Amino acid sequence: MSAGQHATGEKGGILRSFLSLLIMIAFVLGLSWALRTYVFTAYEIPSGSMEETIMTGDMVFAEKVSYYFRDPQPGDIVTFADPEIPGRTLIKRCIATAGQTIDIDGDGFLYIDGVAQTETYTNNKPTLPLTNSNITFPYTVPSGCIWVMGDNRTNSQDSRYFGAVPISSVSGRGVLVYWPVPDFGLLE
């Protein structure tokens, strides 16, 4: 080809265009599946168990990558498989990890390993044992498990009700409220 001449494209036809479109759609769907499976998931919050941190109806992103490298730590907001209803995901705050002892006194104070906890995210709501539970205190978190509680301690069925949660059931760490816009922000 000499200077000034342009290469002519191959004429592909409708079949070639259709196959290109199918390959692009398959790639986008595969990438979406991989991101949702291994990187992050979006959740709509159905209950008030985490209020005022996360409000009913908020949309939250939970990332999955950090738990490939470390276990949940106290203070993390975690998503996990509901121990009672298969297929349902719950979101609560990790309060204690394996080997730590939880105790709740009659005045509504939470103790971990004998140390009273200052939990600003509960808005000074008392932490009381649940009356419809078989969990007794003090309670030591078993190996391979975490203790989770909702920030709205007066309206949350959590580890006080169903006990410690296996780390293997944890699916992500809540990191961001993205909807509605007035609630937008990072979770702490």
Protein backbone atom coordinates (compact mmCIF):
# COMPACT_ATOMS: atom_id res chain seq x y z
CA MET A 1 0.00 0.00 0.00
CA SER A 2 1.47 3.37 -0.96
CA ALA A 3 1.15 6.61 0.93
CA GLY A 4 -2.25 8.16 0.66
CA GLN A 5 -4.12 4.91 0.26
CA HIS A 6 -6.41 3.73 3.02
CA ALA A 7 -6.93 0.21 4.16
CA THR A 8 -10.35 -1.10 3.42
CA GLY A 9 -12.20 -2.92 6.18
CA GLU A 10 -13.51 -6.40 5.72
CA LYS A 11 -17.15 -6.64 5.02
CA GLY A 12 -18.51 -8.72 7.87
CA GLY A 13 -22.18 -8.96 7.31
CA ILE A 14 -25.01 -9.35 9.75
CA LEU A 15 -23.84 -12.67 11.21
CA ARG A 16 -20.48 -11.24 12.23
CA SER A 17 -22.15 -8.20 13.86
CA PHE A 18 -24.59 -10.44 15.72
CA LEU A 19 -21.77 -12.67 17.05
CA SER A 20 -19.80 -9.59 18.19
CA LEU A 21 -22.86 -8.33 20.04
CA LEU A 22 -23.40 -11.73 21.71
CA ILE A 23 -19.75 -11.88 22.81
CA MET A 24 -19.96 -8.36 24.26
CA ILE A 25 -23.17 -9.19 26.16
CA ALA A 26 -21.64 -12.42 27.51
CA PHE A 27 -18.54 -10.50 28.64
CA VAL A 28 -20.59 -7.83 30.44
CA LEU A 29 -22.80 -10.45 32.14
CA GLY A 30 -19.75 -12.51 33.16
CA LEU A 31 -17.98 -9.45 34.57
CA SER A 32 -21.12 -8.42 36.48
CA TRP A 33 -21.44 -11.92 37.94
CA ALA A 34 -17.75 -11.98 38.96
CA LEU A 35 -17.94 -8.56 40.64
CA ARG A 36 -21.11 -9.47 42.54
CA THR A 37 -19.76 -12.87 43.57
CA TYR A 38 -16.22 -11.90 44.59
CA VAL A 39 -16.01 -8.11 45.10
CA PHE A 40 -19.21 -6.44 46.33
CA THR A 41 -22.95 -6.85 46.77
CA ALA A 42 -25.75 -4.32 47.21
CA TYR A 43 -28.40 -4.80 49.89
CA GLU A 44 -31.61 -3.05 50.83
CA ILE A 45 -32.06 -2.87 54.60
CA PRO A 46 -35.48 -4.32 55.55
CA SER A 47 -35.54 -3.66 59.31
CA GLY A 48 -34.58 -1.16 61.97
CA SER A 49 -32.04 -3.33 63.79
CA MET A 50 -29.09 -1.11 62.77
CA GLU A 51 -30.76 2.30 63.22
CA GLU A 52 -29.43 5.07 63.51
CA THR A 53 -26.30 3.82 61.69
CA ILE A 54 -28.30 2.30 58.81
CA MET A 55 -31.95 3.20 58.38
CA THR A 56 -34.80 0.98 57.16
CA GLY A 57 -34.90 1.19 53.35
CA ASP A 58 -31.28 2.33 52.95
CA MET A 59 -29.28 0.72 50.14
CA VAL A 60 -25.85 -0.49 51.28
CA PHE A 61 -22.77 -1.80 49.48
CA ALA A 62 -20.88 -4.61 51.22
CA GLU A 63 -17.39 -5.39 49.99
CA LYS A 64 -16.03 -8.93 50.08
CA VAL A 65 -12.31 -8.49 49.36
CA SER A 66 -11.04 -7.61 52.86
CA TYR A 67 -12.30 -10.91 54.33
CA TYR A 68 -10.21 -12.88 51.85
CA PHE A 69 -7.19 -11.58 53.81
CA ARG A 70 -8.46 -11.20 57.38
CA ASP A 71 -11.30 -12.26 59.68
CA PRO A 72 -13.99 -9.83 60.85
CA GLN A 73 -12.90 -7.57 63.70
CA PRO A 74 -14.93 -5.94 66.48
CA GLY A 75 -16.57 -2.82 65.10
CA ASP A 76 -16.94 -4.16 61.54
CA ILE A 77 -20.46 -4.07 60.10
CA VAL A 78 -20.85 -7.52 58.56
CA THR A 79 -23.31 -9.26 56.28
CA PHE A 80 -23.89 -12.95 57.00
CA ALA A 81 -26.25 -15.81 56.32
CA ASP A 82 -29.25 -15.79 58.66
CA PRO A 83 -28.80 -18.81 60.95
CA GLU A 84 -32.57 -19.39 61.03
CA ILE A 85 -33.92 -18.56 57.55
CA PRO A 86 -31.98 -20.13 54.65
CA GLY A 87 -31.22 -17.76 51.79
CA ARG A 88 -31.67 -14.57 53.85
CA THR A 89 -28.77 -12.23 54.57
CA LEU A 90 -28.54 -10.15 57.76
CA ILE A 91 -26.39 -7.13 58.56
CA LYS A 92 -25.13 -6.46 62.10
CA ARG A 93 -22.04 -5.16 63.88
CA CYS A 94 -19.29 -7.57 64.97
CA ILE A 95 -18.94 -7.09 68.72
CA ALA A 96 -16.56 -9.88 69.73
CA THR A 97 -14.45 -12.63 68.20
CA ALA A 98 -13.48 -16.18 69.16
CA GLY A 99 -12.40 -16.61 72.77
CA GLN A 100 -13.84 -13.30 73.99
CA THR A 101 -16.45 -13.37 76.76
CA ILE A 102 -19.65 -11.32 76.48
CA ASP A 103 -21.59 -10.28 79.56
CA ILE A 104 -24.61 -8.05 79.98
CA ASP A 105 -25.53 -6.62 83.36
CA GLY A 106 -29.00 -5.77 84.64
CA ASP A 107 -28.52 -2.07 83.89
CA GLY A 108 -28.06 -2.67 80.17
CA PHE A 109 -24.27 -2.40 79.97
CA LEU A 110 -22.24 -4.65 77.68
CA TYR A 111 -18.95 -6.09 78.90
CA ILE A 112 -16.32 -7.85 76.79
CA ASP A 113 -13.71 -9.76 78.79
CA GLY A 114 -14.86 -7.83 81.87
CA VAL A 115 -14.40 -4.38 80.30
CA ALA A 116 -17.47 -2.13 79.99
CA GLN A 117 -17.93 -1.07 76.36
CA THR A 118 -18.46 2.50 75.19
CA GLU A 119 -20.64 2.15 72.11
CA THR A 120 -21.53 5.56 70.70
CA TYR A 121 -23.34 3.96 67.74
CA THR A 122 -26.11 2.61 70.04
CA ASN A 123 -27.24 6.13 70.95
CA ASN A 124 -27.14 5.09 74.64
CA LYS A 125 -29.83 2.45 74.21
CA PRO A 126 -29.44 -0.31 76.80
CA THR A 127 -28.10 -3.72 75.86
CA LEU A 128 -30.31 -6.29 77.55
CA PRO A 129 -30.53 -10.07 77.21
CA LEU A 130 -33.47 -11.19 75.08
CA THR A 131 -36.21 -12.98 77.01
CA ASN A 132 -37.09 -15.35 74.14
CA SER A 133 -33.57 -16.80 73.94
CA ASN A 134 -31.65 -19.77 75.30
CA ILE A 135 -28.39 -17.77 75.43
CA THR A 136 -27.04 -17.28 78.95
CA PHE A 137 -24.40 -14.83 80.11
CA PRO A 138 -21.49 -14.70 80.49
CA TYR A 139 -21.02 -16.25 77.04
CA THR A 140 -17.66 -17.12 75.48
CA VAL A 141 -17.54 -16.90 71.68
CA PRO A 142 -16.55 -20.30 70.24
CA SER A 143 -13.58 -20.79 67.92
CA GLY A 144 -14.37 -19.93 64.29
CA CYS A 145 -17.26 -17.64 65.28
CA ILE A 146 -18.09 -13.99 65.93
CA TRP A 147 -20.69 -12.30 68.14
CA VAL A 148 -22.92 -9.83 66.24
CA MET A 149 -25.46 -7.29 67.47
CA GLY A 150 -27.62 -4.62 65.89
CA ASP A 151 -26.85 -1.03 66.82
CA ASN A 152 -30.53 -0.56 67.74
CA ARG A 153 -30.22 -2.81 70.78
CA THR A 154 -33.87 -2.49 71.78
CA ASN A 155 -35.07 -3.72 68.37
CA SER A 156 -32.65 -6.37 67.12
CA GLN A 157 -32.69 -10.14 67.08
CA ASP A 158 -29.00 -10.88 66.97
CA SER A 159 -26.45 -13.11 68.73
CA ARG A 160 -28.37 -12.55 71.96
CA TYR A 161 -31.12 -14.56 70.25
CA PHE A 162 -29.35 -17.06 67.93
CA GLY A 163 -25.85 -17.20 69.44
CA ALA A 164 -22.48 -16.73 67.79
CA VAL A 165 -22.24 -16.76 64.00
CA PRO A 166 -19.71 -18.90 62.10
CA ILE A 167 -17.12 -16.81 60.28
CA SER A 168 -17.76 -19.06 57.27
CA SER A 169 -21.26 -17.54 56.99
CA VAL A 170 -19.93 -13.96 56.76
CA SER A 171 -20.32 -12.69 53.20
CA GLY A 172 -19.04 -9.12 53.37
CA ARG A 173 -18.30 -5.91 55.24
CA GLY A 174 -20.80 -3.06 55.00
CA VAL A 175 -18.91 0.00 53.77
CA LEU A 176 -21.27 2.50 52.14
CA VAL A 177 -24.86 3.70 52.23
CA TYR A 178 -25.51 4.85 48.67
CA TRP A 179 -29.27 5.46 48.71
CA PRO A 180 -31.23 7.56 49.58
CA VAL A 181 -28.95 10.52 48.84
CA PRO A 182 -29.45 12.23 52.26
CA ASP A 183 -28.10 9.07 53.98
CA PHE A 184 -25.12 8.71 51.60
CA GLY A 185 -21.85 8.04 53.39
CA LEU A 186 -19.26 5.57 54.60
CA LEU A 187 -20.24 3.23 57.42
CA GLU A 188 -18.27 3.32 60.66
